[in-house]
Structures are given as C-alpha cells and as structure tokens.
Amino acid sequence: MNPRIALAACLLALAAAGCLGRAGVDLELGAPSLEVKLALDAATYGVGAAVLAEVTITNVGEAPVTVGRPSSHTVDFFIQPEGAPEPRHTQQVASPVEAPAFVVIEPGESHARVIPLNFATSAPGSYRLFAVYGAEPQEGVELTATLASNAAPITVTLPVVLERDAVGLITEQEARRIALEHFGGEAQRIEARLVQDERFRTFVWWVTVYQDSPARPGRAGKSCFVDAFLGHVRAETEKAVPPPEEAHPPGG
C-alpha cells in the first residue's frame, strides 16, 4: 500500500474510533495550524453517481502558510460504511497530467477546490466520507501534518427505474411523480397531458400540480414540461394544462 494512504488510513481509523479531537487537529509539533473541511454537493446519490467533494483548507494560525493545493497529490478520500469499524480508501478522479501546485494561505483565510469522486457510490448504503490532507515533501515548501476532515454523511440508493409504456415513453404516473418532486410539497390534484413540443423537438408531459394556498385553496397551480423520453423537467411554465381541445403547449 502507498505509505501516504497507509498513514491516512491509520489516522481515519483513530478518528472513526473517536480517538482524535476536532477535525483538522495537528499531529506533529510545530506543524502549521490548518483545518480541513469537506462538503458534498448532495446528501443522497444513486449507485454509480459522481460525488463532487469540496475540500477547504483554512489557516487558523497567525502566519501565512504555503501548502499544496487540494488534488490527487495532497488529498486522499476514505469512506466508512455504516457499522464498519474502519473506513476504506476510495479513488478520486485524477488527471495524469496535473502537476503539484502550491498556494499561500493568509491567516484566517481559506483555499477550496472541488474534486470529483467516481467510486464512492459503488453500492447502496449509508456512509461517512472523509478527506485526509497531507502535503507531499517539496523543496522550499512548508510541510504539514496529515489532517483529517469532518465526516460528511451520504446515502447511496438504487437508481430510479422509470416506468415506461409500450413505445418507451414514461407513463403519465411517472410524469406526475416527477413534477410533484420538482415542485415539492403535497398536491390536491395533478393534471397531465402528453404533447409534442417543437421547442424541445420531443414529446413532453405538460403537468400542472395544484396545491393549497391561503387565497385559492386547492387552486394554486404550478406547471412544467417533463421530457417523455428522459424523465426530467425541461422547463417550467406559467400556463396550466389546457382543456383537451387545446393540445399544443404555449410558445415562448
């Protein structure tokens, strides 16, 4: 195993067991005072989805610090399944042509970078994701101890399988569900009609979701077009689903 990954795994095992203090604790005497924080672009992902992990390094000391910027050269990611005693290493998306780069962080300031992870969602379950920062030795660059981030919880679910009709279009029921998820809340009633929309050059479900409002109980409608092939909201519209004789969607 790569020595850096082995050291990071040992650190994460201690962190998972509650043997370390706050996230970003310095492990070496005299190391620059840095904190590492991890934020994700979502809390729930489907199996195989990419995770966008934002790693932020903050200088909590009183002097400027030169550090390696977050990248495959300086950050390792570990994921811990719920109930597992130790986290395991997960590979990030790394460019083979990216060279190490360095930044100067002033006291009280931060440097952040978003790093994609393609292998953190390989199986359904509940997990905790960690980032472990440790600058590689470089001549003339101040070194830091290996630092662990906070634990970012994620849930991985099986991908949603869309219900389709005999010709492959999503069903009206699916279109209603997608529109309601898009707008949120509860619906008093939902109206939907399949139409051909020249703007998108495809078939769309024109859906209006009626929700309660203080002024118009059960009559506050929100409308959108749901792509009948791909199963996602193409656009919202202010016009509600019309009577059957007005089958064409509004232009513009």
Protein backbone atom coordinates (compact mmCIF):
# COMPACT_ATOMS: atom_id res chain seq x y z
CA MET A 1 0.00 0.00 0.00
CA ASN A 2 1.12 3.56 -0.70
CA PRO A 3 2.76 4.85 2.54
CA ARG A 4 0.73 8.05 2.44
CA ILE A 5 -2.52 6.10 2.09
CA ALA A 6 -1.47 3.73 4.88
CA LEU A 7 -0.80 6.69 7.20
CA ALA A 8 -4.08 8.31 6.24
CA ALA A 9 -5.98 5.07 6.84
CA CYS A 10 -4.43 4.80 10.31
CA LEU A 11 -5.45 8.38 11.05
CA LEU A 12 -9.01 7.76 9.87
CA ALA A 13 -9.27 4.61 11.99
CA LEU A 14 -8.40 6.72 15.02
CA ALA A 15 -10.86 9.42 14.01
CA ALA A 16 -13.64 6.88 13.48
CA ALA A 17 -12.95 5.42 16.90
CA GLY A 18 -13.19 8.86 18.49
CA CYS A 19 -9.52 8.98 19.48
CA LEU A 20 -8.88 12.37 17.85
CA GLY A 21 -10.15 15.78 18.77
CA ARG A 22 -11.68 18.29 16.39
CA ALA A 23 -11.33 17.82 12.65
CA GLY A 24 -8.06 19.22 11.40
CA VAL A 25 -6.09 18.58 14.59
CA ASP A 26 -2.32 18.90 14.03
CA LEU A 27 -0.50 15.63 14.55
CA GLU A 28 3.06 16.98 14.60
CA LEU A 29 4.61 19.52 16.92
CA GLY A 30 5.25 22.76 15.06
CA ALA A 31 3.03 21.93 12.07
CA PRO A 32 1.19 24.92 10.55
CA SER A 33 -2.25 25.47 12.04
CA LEU A 34 -4.65 24.27 9.37
CA GLU A 35 -8.19 22.95 9.36
CA VAL A 36 -9.62 20.75 6.61
CA LYS A 37 -13.34 20.73 5.89
CA LEU A 38 -15.30 18.55 3.49
CA ALA A 39 -18.62 19.48 1.84
CA LEU A 40 -20.53 17.43 -0.74
CA ASP A 41 -22.87 18.58 -3.49
CA ALA A 42 -25.68 16.34 -2.20
CA ALA A 43 -26.62 14.04 0.66
CA THR A 44 -28.16 11.25 -1.43
CA TYR A 45 -26.83 9.68 -4.62
CA GLY A 46 -27.81 6.86 -6.93
CA VAL A 47 -25.47 3.92 -7.43
CA GLY A 48 -22.64 4.94 -9.74
CA ALA A 49 -23.28 8.68 -9.47
CA ALA A 50 -20.34 11.06 -9.26
CA VAL A 51 -19.79 12.86 -5.96
CA LEU A 52 -18.45 16.42 -6.08
CA ALA A 53 -16.35 16.83 -2.94
CA GLU A 54 -15.29 20.36 -1.96
CA VAL A 55 -12.15 20.34 0.18
CA THR A 56 -11.43 23.57 2.06
CA ILE A 57 -8.14 24.28 3.81
CA THR A 58 -8.26 27.12 6.35
CA ASN A 59 -5.29 28.79 8.01
CA VAL A 60 -6.29 29.16 11.67
CA GLY A 61 -2.79 30.28 12.70
CA GLU A 62 -1.17 33.68 12.87
CA ALA A 63 1.25 33.46 9.93
CA PRO A 64 0.93 32.78 6.18
CA VAL A 65 1.31 29.13 5.21
CA THR A 66 2.42 27.71 1.86
CA VAL A 67 0.66 24.43 1.14
CA GLY A 68 0.00 22.05 -1.72
CA ARG A 69 -3.43 22.78 -3.19
CA PRO A 70 -6.07 20.04 -2.88
CA SER A 71 -5.52 17.44 -5.61
CA SER A 72 -4.62 13.79 -6.05
CA HIS A 73 -1.14 14.76 -4.87
CA THR A 74 -2.30 16.00 -1.48
CA VAL A 75 -5.77 14.60 -0.66
CA ASP A 76 -6.95 11.04 -0.10
CA PHE A 77 -10.59 10.13 0.39
CA PHE A 78 -11.93 7.41 2.65
CA ILE A 79 -15.47 6.07 3.00
CA GLN A 80 -16.82 4.23 6.03
CA PRO A 81 -19.96 2.09 5.66
CA GLU A 82 -22.43 2.33 8.50
CA GLY A 83 -21.46 -0.18 11.16
CA ALA A 84 -17.99 -0.84 9.73
CA PRO A 85 -15.09 -0.46 12.22
CA GLU A 86 -12.75 1.26 9.75
CA PRO A 87 -13.03 3.40 6.62
CA ARG A 88 -11.65 2.27 3.28
CA HIS A 89 -9.80 4.22 0.62
CA THR A 90 -11.82 5.48 -2.36
CA GLN A 91 -10.25 6.70 -5.57
CA GLN A 92 -10.77 10.23 -6.83
CA VAL A 93 -10.78 11.35 -10.46
CA ALA A 94 -7.19 12.42 -11.10
CA SER A 95 -5.70 13.95 -14.21
CA PRO A 96 -2.47 12.17 -15.16
CA VAL A 97 -1.01 15.44 -16.46
CA GLU A 98 -1.76 17.55 -13.40
CA ALA A 99 1.42 18.64 -11.62
CA PRO A 100 1.65 19.53 -7.92
CA ALA A 101 0.73 23.18 -7.30
CA PHE A 102 1.08 25.36 -4.23
CA VAL A 103 -0.85 28.22 -2.69
CA VAL A 104 -0.16 30.73 0.08
CA ILE A 105 -2.98 30.96 2.63
CA GLU A 106 -3.04 34.06 4.81
CA PRO A 107 -4.16 33.86 8.47
CA GLY A 108 -7.92 33.46 8.71
CA GLU A 109 -8.31 32.74 5.00
CA SER A 110 -9.13 29.55 3.09
CA HIS A 111 -8.44 27.77 -0.15
CA ALA A 112 -11.08 25.44 -1.59
CA ARG A 113 -11.27 23.07 -4.52
CA VAL A 114 -13.95 20.71 -5.82
CA ILE A 115 -12.70 17.20 -6.59
CA PRO A 116 -14.92 14.61 -8.35
CA LEU A 117 -15.19 11.10 -6.90
CA ASN A 118 -16.47 8.39 -9.24
CA PHE A 119 -16.07 5.41 -6.94
CA ALA A 120 -17.74 6.49 -3.69
CA THR A 121 -21.20 5.27 -4.73
CA SER A 122 -20.49 1.73 -5.86
CA ALA A 123 -23.08 0.10 -3.57
CA PRO A 124 -26.29 1.14 -1.78
CA GLY A 125 -26.00 2.04 1.89
CA SER A 126 -25.27 4.74 4.44
CA TYR A 127 -21.70 6.03 4.67
CA ARG A 128 -19.40 8.63 6.15
CA LEU A 129 -16.92 10.25 3.79
CA PHE A 130 -13.61 11.77 4.94
CA ALA A 131 -10.90 13.78 3.22
CA VAL A 132 -7.34 13.40 4.51
CA TYR A 133 -4.91 16.14 3.57
CA GLY A 134 -1.16 15.64 3.64
CA ALA A 135 1.24 17.68 1.54
CA GLU A 136 3.96 15.79 -0.27
CA PRO A 137 7.53 16.89 0.57
CA GLN A 138 8.76 19.56 -1.82
CA GLU A 139 11.93 21.61 -1.55
CA GLY A 140 11.26 25.07 -0.14
CA VAL A 141 7.65 24.29 0.84
CA GLU A 142 6.45 24.12 4.42
CA LEU A 143 5.14 20.67 5.28
CA THR A 144 2.02 19.96 7.26
CA ALA A 145 0.98 17.03 9.35
CA THR A 146 -1.66 14.71 7.93
CA LEU A 147 -5.04 16.27 8.68
CA ALA A 148 -8.48 14.65 8.69
CA SER A 149 -11.64 16.48 7.69
CA ASN A 150 -15.06 16.29 9.26
CA ALA A 151 -17.21 13.27 8.39
CA ALA A 152 -19.70 14.01 5.59
CA PRO A 153 -22.67 11.61 5.69
CA ILE A 154 -24.01 10.26 2.39
CA THR A 155 -26.71 7.80 1.42
CA VAL A 156 -26.46 5.72 -1.75
CA THR A 157 -29.69 4.36 -3.18
CA LEU A 158 -30.52 2.19 -6.15
CA PRO A 159 -31.17 4.27 -9.29
CA VAL A 160 -34.80 5.09 -10.00
CA VAL A 161 -36.17 2.89 -12.79
CA LEU A 162 -38.71 4.90 -14.78
CA GLU A 163 -41.96 3.20 -15.71
CA ARG A 164 -42.49 3.32 -19.49
CA ASP A 165 -45.26 2.48 -21.91
CA ALA A 166 -45.09 0.10 -24.87
CA VAL A 167 -43.28 2.62 -27.11
CA GLY A 168 -40.76 3.69 -24.47
CA LEU A 169 -42.25 6.95 -23.20
CA ILE A 170 -42.53 7.49 -19.45
CA THR A 171 -46.04 6.93 -18.19
CA GLU A 172 -48.38 9.65 -17.03
CA GLN A 173 -47.97 8.42 -13.46
CA GLU A 174 -44.20 8.88 -13.68
CA ALA A 175 -44.65 12.36 -15.15
CA ARG A 176 -46.94 13.31 -12.26
CA ARG A 177 -44.43 11.99 -9.72
CA ILE A 178 -41.51 13.84 -11.33
CA ALA A 179 -43.43 17.13 -11.44
CA LEU A 180 -44.50 16.80 -7.81
CA GLU A 181 -40.92 16.06 -6.71
CA HIS A 182 -39.77 19.08 -8.71
CA PHE A 183 -42.18 21.50 -7.03
CA GLY A 184 -42.20 19.82 -3.61
CA GLY A 185 -45.00 19.73 -1.08
CA GLU A 186 -48.32 17.94 -1.42
CA ALA A 187 -50.83 18.14 -4.24
CA GLN A 188 -54.60 18.48 -4.16
CA ARG A 189 -54.72 17.24 -7.72
CA ILE A 190 -52.39 16.86 -10.71
CA GLU A 191 -53.31 17.19 -14.37
CA ALA A 192 -51.08 15.94 -17.19
CA ARG A 193 -51.21 15.75 -20.97
CA LEU A 194 -48.73 14.32 -23.47
CA VAL A 195 -47.92 16.88 -26.20
CA GLN A 196 -45.33 17.37 -28.91
CA ASP A 197 -43.22 20.43 -28.25
CA GLU A 198 -41.32 21.86 -31.21
CA ARG A 199 -39.04 23.92 -28.95
CA PHE A 200 -37.51 20.78 -27.46
CA ARG A 201 -38.15 18.65 -30.57
CA THR A 202 -39.53 15.89 -28.44
CA PHE A 203 -42.65 14.73 -26.64
CA VAL A 204 -43.24 16.23 -23.21
CA TRP A 205 -45.74 15.69 -20.48
CA TRP A 206 -47.35 19.03 -19.71
CA VAL A 207 -48.11 18.77 -15.99
CA THR A 208 -49.90 21.12 -13.60
CA VAL A 209 -49.68 20.49 -9.87
CA TYR A 210 -52.45 22.12 -7.83
CA GLN A 211 -51.57 22.91 -4.23
CA ASP A 212 -53.31 24.73 -1.42
CA SER A 213 -52.79 28.44 -0.93
CA PRO A 214 -54.45 30.81 1.58
CA ALA A 215 -56.12 32.79 -1.21
CA ARG A 216 -57.08 29.93 -3.51
CA PRO A 217 -57.40 26.64 -1.60
CA GLY A 218 -56.75 23.72 -3.93
CA ARG A 219 -56.38 26.02 -6.96
CA ALA A 220 -52.77 27.26 -6.84
CA GLY A 221 -51.28 25.58 -9.89
CA LYS A 222 -47.62 25.17 -10.82
CA SER A 223 -46.82 23.81 -14.26
CA CYS A 224 -43.83 22.31 -16.05
CA PHE A 225 -42.83 20.19 -19.04
CA VAL A 226 -41.43 16.74 -18.28
CA ASP A 227 -39.37 15.14 -21.04
CA ALA A 228 -41.25 11.99 -22.03
CA PHE A 229 -38.06 10.21 -23.12
CA LEU A 230 -35.54 11.24 -20.45
CA GLY A 231 -37.85 11.72 -17.48
CA HIS A 232 -36.69 15.11 -16.23
CA VAL A 233 -38.22 18.59 -16.07
CA ARG A 234 -37.40 20.53 -19.24
CA ALA A 235 -38.85 23.87 -18.15
CA GLU A 236 -41.48 25.50 -16.01
CA THR A 237 -44.39 27.45 -17.49
CA GLU A 238 -46.93 29.87 -16.08
CA LYS A 239 -49.72 28.31 -18.14
CA ALA A 240 -51.69 25.41 -16.77
CA VAL A 241 -52.59 22.28 -18.71
CA PRO A 242 -55.40 23.39 -21.05
CA PRO A 243 -58.64 21.62 -21.94
CA PRO A 244 -58.27 18.66 -24.35
CA GLU A 245 -59.12 20.76 -27.42
CA GLU A 246 -56.07 22.97 -26.79
CA ALA A 247 -53.46 20.29 -27.19
CA HIS A 248 -50.44 22.38 -28.14
CA PRO A 249 -48.09 23.74 -25.44
CA PRO A 250 -47.68 27.52 -25.20
CA GLY A 251 -44.87 29.05 -27.22
CA GLY A 252 -42.03 31.01 -25.61
